[in-house]
Amino acid sequence: MKKIILIIIFSIILFVGNPAYAAYVDRGDVNFDGVVDIQDALLVKQHILGIRELTDEEFVRADTNKKGVVNIIDLLFIIKVLILEIQDPEFFDPTPEEVLP
């Protein structure tokens, strides 16, 4: 069931395709390229599915709600940033309430 949900989510993302740029993008910028984009979402998805383990640095950035675990909630945050093309630096303030309003 998880795989089906992830496939649907990533299908939506592929149609959006635009990276979300922000002045402060530590949270969600898993691959340290300065943007939250599809590559970050793919890394988190691979980690969740057990395909690839994140490095310590990647894990800190992937744990968007700072709960100490990288899971579907963190992936949904990255997808939200992608779909809404969020550019407001305050959105990236690491408070858990912003992950799922």
Foldseek 3Di string as FASTA:
>chain_A
DVVVVVVVLVVVQVVLFDWQAEPDQLAQPLVPPRTNHPVSLVVLVCCQVVNDPGDPSSQVNLPQQPPSDRYVLSSQQSSVCSVVSDHYPVLSPNHNVSSDD
